[in-house]
Structures are given as structure tokens and as C-alpha cells.
C-alpha atoms as a PDB file:
ATOM      1  CA  MET A   1     142.830 288.891  74.758  1.00  0.00           C
ATOM      2  CA  THR A   2     144.262 285.357  74.898  1.00  0.00           C
ATOM      3  CA  LEU A   3     143.270 282.496  77.161  1.00  0.00           C
ATOM      4  CA  ARG A   4     146.883 281.195  77.327  1.00  0.00           C
ATOM      5  CA  PRO A   5     147.557 282.740  80.846  1.00  0.00           C
ATOM      6  CA  LEU A   6     144.544 281.033  82.184  1.00  0.00           C
ATOM      7  CA  THR A   7     145.441 277.777  80.524  1.00  0.00           C
ATOM      8  CA  LEU A   8     148.936 277.954  82.000  1.00  0.00           C
ATOM      9  CA  LEU A   9     147.506 278.705  85.460  1.00  0.00           C
ATOM     10  CA  VAL A  10     145.229 275.729  85.289  1.00  0.00           C
ATOM     11  CA  THR A  11     147.808 273.346  84.000  1.00  0.00           C
ATOM     12  CA  SER A  12     150.175 274.348  86.768  1.00  0.00           C
ATOM     13  CA  PHE A  13     147.757 272.870  89.343  1.00  0.00           C
ATOM     14  CA  GLY A  14     148.871 269.496  88.128  1.00  0.00           C
ATOM     15  CA  GLY A  15     152.609 270.075  88.501  1.00  0.00           C
ATOM     16  CA  GLN A  16     154.774 268.060  90.855  1.00  0.00           C
ATOM     17  CA  ALA A  17     155.460 271.156  93.014  1.00  0.00           C
ATOM     18  CA  VAL A  18     151.732 271.353  93.770  1.00  0.00           C
ATOM     19  CA  ILE A  19     150.728 267.694  93.745  1.00  0.00           C
ATOM     20  CA  LEU A  20     153.369 266.412  96.155  1.00  0.00           C
ATOM     21  CA  PRO A  21     152.749 268.943  98.876  1.00  0.00           C
ATOM     22  CA  ILE A  22     149.034 268.326  98.711  1.00  0.00           C
ATOM     23  CA  LEU A  23     149.740 264.575  99.073  1.00  0.00           C
ATOM     24  CA  VAL A  24     151.874 265.190 102.156  1.00  0.00           C
ATOM     25  CA  PHE A  25     149.472 267.777 103.653  1.00  0.00           C
ATOM     26  CA  VAL A  26     146.333 265.541 103.381  1.00  0.00           C
ATOM     27  CA  THR A  27     148.198 262.481 104.672  1.00  0.00           C
ATOM     28  CA  LEU A  28     149.459 264.358 107.730  1.00  0.00           C
ATOM     29  CA  GLY A  29     145.987 265.857 108.277  1.00  0.00           C
ATOM     30  CA  LEU A  30     144.323 262.454 108.251  1.00  0.00           C
ATOM     31  CA  LEU A  31     147.008 261.028 110.593  1.00  0.00           C
ATOM     32  CA  VAL A  32     146.772 263.939 113.092  1.00  0.00           C
ATOM     33  CA  SER A  33     142.985 263.525 113.144  1.00  0.00           C
ATOM     34  CA  GLY A  34     143.347 259.875 113.981  1.00  0.00           C
ATOM     35  CA  GLN A  35     142.279 258.483 110.565  1.00  0.00           C
ATOM     36  CA  ARG A  36     145.158 256.151 109.958  1.00  0.00           C
ATOM     37  CA  ARG A  37     143.149 253.930 107.623  1.00  0.00           C
ATOM     38  CA  ALA A  38     142.110 256.860 105.436  1.00  0.00           C
ATOM     39  CA  ALA A  39     145.588 258.242 105.553  1.00  0.00           C
ATOM     40  CA  PHE A  40     147.041 254.882 104.434  1.00  0.00           C
ATOM     41  CA  TRP A  41     144.630 254.352 101.518  1.00  0.00           C
ATOM     42  CA  TRP A  42     144.877 258.018 100.425  1.00  0.00           C
ATOM     43  CA  ALA A  43     148.698 257.869 100.329  1.00  0.00           C
ATOM     44  CA  PHE A  44     148.887 254.417  98.910  1.00  0.00           C
ATOM     45  CA  SER A  45     146.471 255.096  96.027  1.00  0.00           C
ATOM     46  CA  VAL A  46     148.197 258.348  94.983  1.00  0.00           C
ATOM     47  CA  VAL A  47     151.762 256.919  95.267  1.00  0.00           C
ATOM     48  CA  LEU A  48     150.575 253.923  93.299  1.00  0.00           C
ATOM     49  CA  VAL A  49     149.435 256.079  90.505  1.00  0.00           C
ATOM     50  CA  LEU A  50     152.493 258.224  90.499  1.00  0.00           C
ATOM     51  CA  GLY A  51     154.638 255.078  90.384  1.00  0.00           C
ATOM     52  CA  MET A  52     152.567 253.623  87.536  1.00  0.00           C
ATOM     53  CA  VAL A  53     152.808 256.838  85.516  1.00  0.00           C
ATOM     54  CA  LEU A  54     156.568 256.993  86.084  1.00  0.00           C
ATOM     55  CA  ALA A  55     157.016 253.330  85.039  1.00  0.00           C
ATOM     56  CA  THR A  56     154.848 253.822  81.920  1.00  0.00           C
ATOM     57  CA  LYS A  57     156.832 256.885  80.881  1.00  0.00           C
ATOM     58  CA  ILE A  58     160.089 255.010  81.323  1.00  0.00           C
ATOM     59  CA  ALA A  59     158.856 252.140  79.277  1.00  0.00           C
ATOM     60  CA  PHE A  60     157.141 254.172  76.560  1.00  0.00           C
ATOM     61  CA  ILE A  61     159.505 257.039  75.924  1.00  0.00           C
ATOM     62  CA  PRO A  62     162.216 255.054  74.057  1.00  0.00           C
ATOM     63  CA  CYS A  63     159.775 252.665  72.442  1.00  0.00           C
ATOM     64  CA  ALA A  64     157.213 255.101  71.154  1.00  0.00           C
ATOM     65  CA  THR A  65     157.687 254.184  67.545  1.00  0.00           C
ATOM     66  CA  TYR A  66     156.661 250.576  68.274  1.00  0.00           C
ATOM     67  CA  LEU A  67     153.418 251.423  69.977  1.00  0.00           C
ATOM     68  CA  PRO A  68     150.235 250.813  67.990  1.00  0.00           C
ATOM     69  CA  VAL A  69     148.677 254.149  68.888  1.00  0.00           C
ATOM     70  CA  SER A  70     149.826 257.198  66.989  1.00  0.00           C
ATOM     71  CA  GLY A  71     150.902 260.139  69.157  1.00  0.00           C
ATOM     72  CA  LEU A  72     151.478 257.982  72.270  1.00  0.00           C
ATOM     73  CA  ARG A  73     154.917 258.529  73.601  1.00  0.00           C
ATOM     74  CA  SER A  74     154.730 259.629  77.276  1.00  0.00           C
ATOM     75  CA  PRO A  75     151.502 259.537  79.313  1.00  0.00           C
ATOM     76  CA  SER A  76     150.615 262.836  80.846  1.00  0.00           C
ATOM     77  CA  GLY A  77     151.939 262.940  84.441  1.00  0.00           C
ATOM     78  CA  HIS A  78     149.878 266.096  85.076  1.00  0.00           C
ATOM     79  CA  ALA A  79     146.706 264.317  83.941  1.00  0.00           C
ATOM     80  CA  GLY A  80     147.449 261.172  85.956  1.00  0.00           C
ATOM     81  CA  ALA A  81     148.513 262.974  89.109  1.00  0.00           C
ATOM     82  CA  SER A  82     145.596 265.482  89.003  1.00  0.00           C
ATOM     83  CA  MET A  83     143.022 262.634  88.519  1.00  0.00           C
ATOM     84  CA  ALA A  84     144.543 260.847  91.494  1.00  0.00           C
ATOM     85  CA  VAL A  85     144.966 263.789  93.908  1.00  0.00           C
ATOM     86  CA  TYR A  86     141.861 265.988  93.026  1.00  0.00           C
ATOM     87  CA  GLY A  87     139.582 263.025  92.258  1.00  0.00           C
ATOM     88  CA  GLY A  88     140.771 261.343  95.444  1.00  0.00           C
ATOM     89  CA  LEU A  89     140.173 264.602  97.499  1.00  0.00           C
ATOM     90  CA  GLY A  90     136.697 264.562  95.990  1.00  0.00           C
ATOM     91  CA  VAL A  91     136.064 261.136  97.368  1.00  0.00           C
ATOM     92  CA  LEU A  92     137.496 262.049 100.860  1.00  0.00           C
ATOM     93  CA  VAL A  93     135.381 265.174 101.080  1.00  0.00           C
ATOM     94  CA  ALA A  94     132.405 263.414  99.911  1.00  0.00           C
ATOM     95  CA  ARG A  95     132.667 260.703 102.565  1.00  0.00           C
ATOM     96  CA  LEU A  96     132.655 263.507 105.214  1.00  0.00           C
ATOM     97  CA  LEU A  97     129.634 265.350 103.910  1.00  0.00           C
ATOM     98  CA  PRO A  98     126.089 264.658 105.261  1.00  0.00           C
ATOM     99  CA  LYS A  99     123.947 265.332 102.238  1.00  0.00           C
ATOM    100  CA  LEU A 100     123.955 263.351  98.944  1.00  0.00           C
ATOM    101  CA  SER A 101     123.821 266.551  96.833  1.00  0.00           C
ATOM    102  CA  TRP A 102     126.900 267.852  98.520  1.00  0.00           C
ATOM    103  CA  ARG A 103     128.675 264.552  97.980  1.00  0.00           C
ATOM    104  CA  VAL A 104     127.812 264.600  94.325  1.00  0.00           C
ATOM    105  CA  LEU A 105     129.072 268.204  94.166  1.00  0.00           C
ATOM    106  CA  ALA A 106     132.391 267.322  95.804  1.00  0.00           C
ATOM    107  CA  LEU A 107     133.038 264.327  93.568  1.00  0.00           C
ATOM    108  CA  SER A 108     132.094 266.330  90.428  1.00  0.00           C
ATOM    109  CA  ALA A 109     134.339 269.256  91.400  1.00  0.00           C
ATOM    110  CA  GLY A 110     137.286 267.010  91.970  1.00  0.00           C
ATOM    111  CA  PHE A 111     136.893 265.092  88.696  1.00  0.00           C
ATOM    112  CA  LEU A 112     136.117 268.277  86.618  1.00  0.00           C
ATOM    113  CA  LEU A 113     139.179 270.091  87.924  1.00  0.00           C
ATOM    114  CA  ALA A 114     141.266 266.966  86.942  1.00  0.00           C
ATOM    115  CA  ILE A 115     139.710 266.891  83.518  1.00  0.00           C
ATOM    116  CA  ALA A 116     140.256 270.591  82.987  1.00  0.00           C
ATOM    117  CA  ILE A 117     144.014 270.151  83.813  1.00  0.00           C
ATOM    118  CA  ALA A 118     144.136 267.292  81.415  1.00  0.00           C
ATOM    119  CA  VAL A 119     142.610 269.333  78.627  1.00  0.00           C
ATOM    120  CA  THR A 120     145.131 272.080  79.139  1.00  0.00           C
ATOM    121  CA  ARG A 121     147.996 269.702  78.579  1.00  0.00           C
ATOM    122  CA  VAL A 122     146.701 269.182  75.073  1.00  0.00           C
ATOM    123  CA  VAL A 123     145.813 272.866  74.537  1.00  0.00           C
ATOM    124  CA  ILE A 124     149.385 274.025  75.326  1.00  0.00           C
ATOM    125  CA  GLY A 125     150.910 271.253  73.285  1.00  0.00           C
ATOM    126  CA  ALA A 126     152.598 269.456  76.160  1.00  0.00           C
ATOM    127  CA  HIS A 127     150.941 266.179  75.324  1.00  0.00           C
ATOM    128  CA  THR A 128     148.743 264.584  72.703  1.00  0.00           C
ATOM    129  CA  VAL A 129     145.147 263.443  73.203  1.00  0.00           C
ATOM    130  CA  PRO A 130     146.170 259.669  73.571  1.00  0.00           C
ATOM    131  CA  GLU A 131     148.927 260.544  76.151  1.00  0.00           C
ATOM    132  CA  THR A 132     146.445 262.640  78.123  1.00  0.00           C
ATOM    133  CA  ILE A 133     143.803 259.941  78.071  1.00  0.00           C
ATOM    134  CA  LEU A 134     146.204 257.311  79.164  1.00  0.00           C
ATOM    135  CA  GLY A 135     147.490 259.460  82.023  1.00  0.00           C
ATOM    136  CA  SER A 136     143.897 260.145  83.168  1.00  0.00           C
ATOM    137  CA  LEU A 137     142.977 256.456  82.964  1.00  0.00           C
ATOM    138  CA  ILE A 138     145.956 255.508  85.180  1.00  0.00           C
ATOM    139  CA  GLY A 139     145.070 258.371  87.575  1.00  0.00           C
ATOM    140  CA  VAL A 140     141.521 257.290  88.068  1.00  0.00           C
ATOM    141  CA  LEU A 141     142.719 254.221  89.825  1.00  0.00           C
ATOM    142  CA  ALA A 142     143.321 256.325  92.998  1.00  0.00           C
ATOM    143  CA  PRO A 143     139.784 257.608  93.520  1.00  0.00           C
ATOM    144  CA  ALA A 144     138.462 254.127  92.425  1.00  0.00           C
ATOM    145  CA  ILE A 145     140.455 252.569  95.312  1.00  0.00           C
ATOM    146  CA  LEU A 146     139.081 255.173  97.732  1.00  0.00           C
ATOM    147  CA  ILE A 147     135.513 254.746  96.624  1.00  0.00           C
ATOM    148  CA  THR A 148     135.761 250.946  97.034  1.00  0.00           C
ATOM    149  CA  ARG A 149     136.952 251.120 100.711  1.00  0.00           C
ATOM    150  CA  PRO A 150     133.782 250.469 102.733  1.00  0.00           C
ATOM    151  CA  ASN A 151     135.134 251.957 106.069  1.00  0.00           C
ATOM    152  CA  LEU A 152     137.497 254.659 104.913  1.00  0.00           C
ATOM    153  CA  PHE A 153     136.863 256.709 108.056  1.00  0.00           C
ATOM    154  CA  VAL A 154     136.512 254.854 111.299  1.00  0.00           C
ATOM    155  CA  GLY A 155     135.422 255.951 114.754  1.00  0.00           C
ATOM    156  CA  THR A 156     134.788 259.594 115.649  1.00  0.00           C
ATOM    157  CA  VAL A 157     135.822 261.795 112.765  1.00  0.00           C
ATOM    158  CA  ARG A 158     137.464 264.901 114.215  1.00  0.00           C
ATOM    159  CA  LEU A 159     138.542 266.145 110.789  1.00  0.00           C
ATOM    160  CA  ARG A 160     136.282 268.708 109.220  1.00  0.00           C
ATOM    161  CA  TRP A 161     135.884 268.432 105.532  1.00  0.00           C
ATOM    162  CA  ILE A 162     136.615 272.158 104.966  1.00  0.00           C
ATOM    163  CA  TRP A 163     140.282 271.540 105.894  1.00  0.00           C
ATOM    164  CA  LEU A 164     140.645 269.053 103.077  1.00  0.00           C
ATOM    165  CA  LEU A 165     139.643 271.901 100.802  1.00  0.00           C
ATOM    166  CA  LEU A 166     141.304 275.003 102.321  1.00  0.00           C
ATOM    167  CA  GLY A 167     144.722 273.284 102.921  1.00  0.00           C
ATOM    168  CA  PRO A 168     145.198 272.187  99.300  1.00  0.00           C
ATOM    169  CA  LEU A 169     143.657 275.506  98.072  1.00  0.00           C
ATOM    170  CA  VAL A 170     146.300 277.428  99.998  1.00  0.00           C
ATOM    171  CA  LEU A 171     149.128 275.134  98.612  1.00  0.00           C
ATOM    172  CA  VAL A 172     147.776 275.684  95.065  1.00  0.00           C
ATOM    173  CA  VAL A 173     147.764 279.390  95.442  1.00  0.00           C
ATOM    174  CA  LEU A 174     151.290 279.463  96.910  1.00  0.00           C
ATOM    175  CA  LEU A 175     152.974 276.856  94.633  1.00  0.00           C
ATOM    176  CA  HIS A 176     151.310 277.150  91.248  1.00  0.00           C
ATOM    177  CA  GLY A 177     153.748 278.012  88.578  1.00  0.00           C
ATOM    178  CA  PHE A 178     156.656 276.226  90.200  1.00  0.00           C
ATOM    179  CA  GLU A 179     158.083 273.185  88.444  1.00  0.00           C
ATOM    180  CA  LEU A 180     160.479 270.586  89.742  1.00  0.00           C
ATOM    181  CA  GLY A 181     161.878 269.605  86.282  1.00  0.00           C
ATOM    182  CA  ALA A 182     161.097 265.941  86.746  1.00  0.00           C
ATOM    183  CA  GLU A 183     160.169 265.428  83.046  1.00  0.00           C
ATOM    184  CA  THR A 184     163.680 266.100  81.867  1.00  0.00           C
ATOM    185  CA  VAL A 185     165.092 263.673  84.436  1.00  0.00           C
ATOM    186  CA  ILE A 186     162.555 260.969  83.506  1.00  0.00           C
ATOM    187  CA  GLU A 187     163.391 261.367  79.805  1.00  0.00           C
ATOM    188  CA  SER A 188     167.065 260.943  80.612  1.00  0.00           C
ATOM    189  CA  VAL A 189     166.530 257.974  82.791  1.00  0.00           C
ATOM    190  CA  ALA A 190     164.276 256.277  80.162  1.00  0.00           C
ATOM    191  CA  GLN A 191     166.876 256.680  77.417  1.00  0.00           C
ATOM    192  CA  GLN A 192     169.777 255.550  79.641  1.00  0.00           C
ATOM    193  CA  LEU A 193     167.832 252.411  80.744  1.00  0.00           C
ATOM    194  CA  ASN A 194     167.034 251.637  77.184  1.00  0.00           C
ATOM    195  CA  LEU A 195     170.664 251.999  76.106  1.00  0.00           C
ATOM    196  CA  LEU A 196     171.615 249.706  78.967  1.00  0.00           C
ATOM    197  CA  LEU A 197     168.851 247.050  78.340  1.00  0.00           C
ATOM    198  CA  GLY A 198     168.662 247.364  74.544  1.00  0.00           C
ATOM    199  CA  VAL A 199     164.886 246.876  74.539  1.00  0.00           C
ATOM    200  CA  CYS A 200     163.992 249.300  71.746  1.00  0.00           C
ATOM    201  CA  ARG A 201     166.372 250.504  69.026  1.00  0.00           C
END
């Protein structure tokens, strides 16, 4: 019996077809519940990470041979997005929980899932260890931003923490395994931009 099916299942949790709907769902959920501040910081932090990963990919892909770290060509988007979304969700849920032990559990679960997804990228050969580490380091910026917001939730919080778990869980179940094919597009854009600008030859 091989663990590859399980590895592919876990790695699919970090795909764009899962991550983007979770981003939208949580943002709308926070807005509907009247938590505009939390919605802004959540969306801003995740989009910032996604943008940074994209920019780094475009910069690194054509210039990999010039980088000082061996095996570093394209930072893992799965690792970065997973750390941002699942780590960020852990922060949001922790802020809504009454007990310290539950908060620690929520944070740990979010980060452990993100780490598990990052590990699968290496296991299936999609990325090298340096690429996965770089992606994760970029991704951790999102939960770091959320953690440092002193008044993330303001006023009466009508949103129950369970919905921040059940909603994304349903999306994961429904959408895992789907891929949007963004990596191929990013690769093409990176090479075309490099040909146009002539940065790396």
C-alpha cells in the first residue's frame, strides 16, 4: 500500500481552486457578520502573500541559475498560500475562542496543516526543500499581520467560530483535486517578461 494517494489529497488542499474560494468565503462571512475590519485585514494579508509569491515566481523562474541557493527556482505557491490561508484561519478562530487551550489548538491546527501541505510538495517532487521553505516564509506574513492587529474583531461579534471551520471544510471537500493551471501561465509570463526586459540570459 502506498501513501501517494494521501499525499496527493493533502497537497490538493493548497491548490488555487481551493484557496481562492476559501479566501472569498471567509471575507464575505466576516463582512456579513459586520466585521469589516477583520474582513479587510484577512483579505489584505492573504492577497498580499499571493501577490508576493507571484512576483517572486516571475522574478526567480528565468533567473534561477544566478541565485546563490541550489535548487531554488520557483517558490512553492501551495506552501505560501496554505500558510497564509490556513495559518490565517487559525488566527481568526483563535481570536473567537474563549479558552487559551482552545486558542493554542486552533493556531496549531492551522499551521500544522500548512506545514503538512508544504511537506507534500517536496514528497511528490513538485518543489525542492528551499522552494518550499521560501514559499512558507512568504506565507507566514499573513498570519503575522493578523496576530499583530490588536482589535481585529470590534463590537458585538455575531460570527460563530464554527462557521470559519465548517465553511472552508466544505469547500475543501468539494474542490480538492481541481487545479486552475496557474503554474503553466506563470511560467510563460515569467519567460516572456524576461525576453522583453532581458534581465537574465
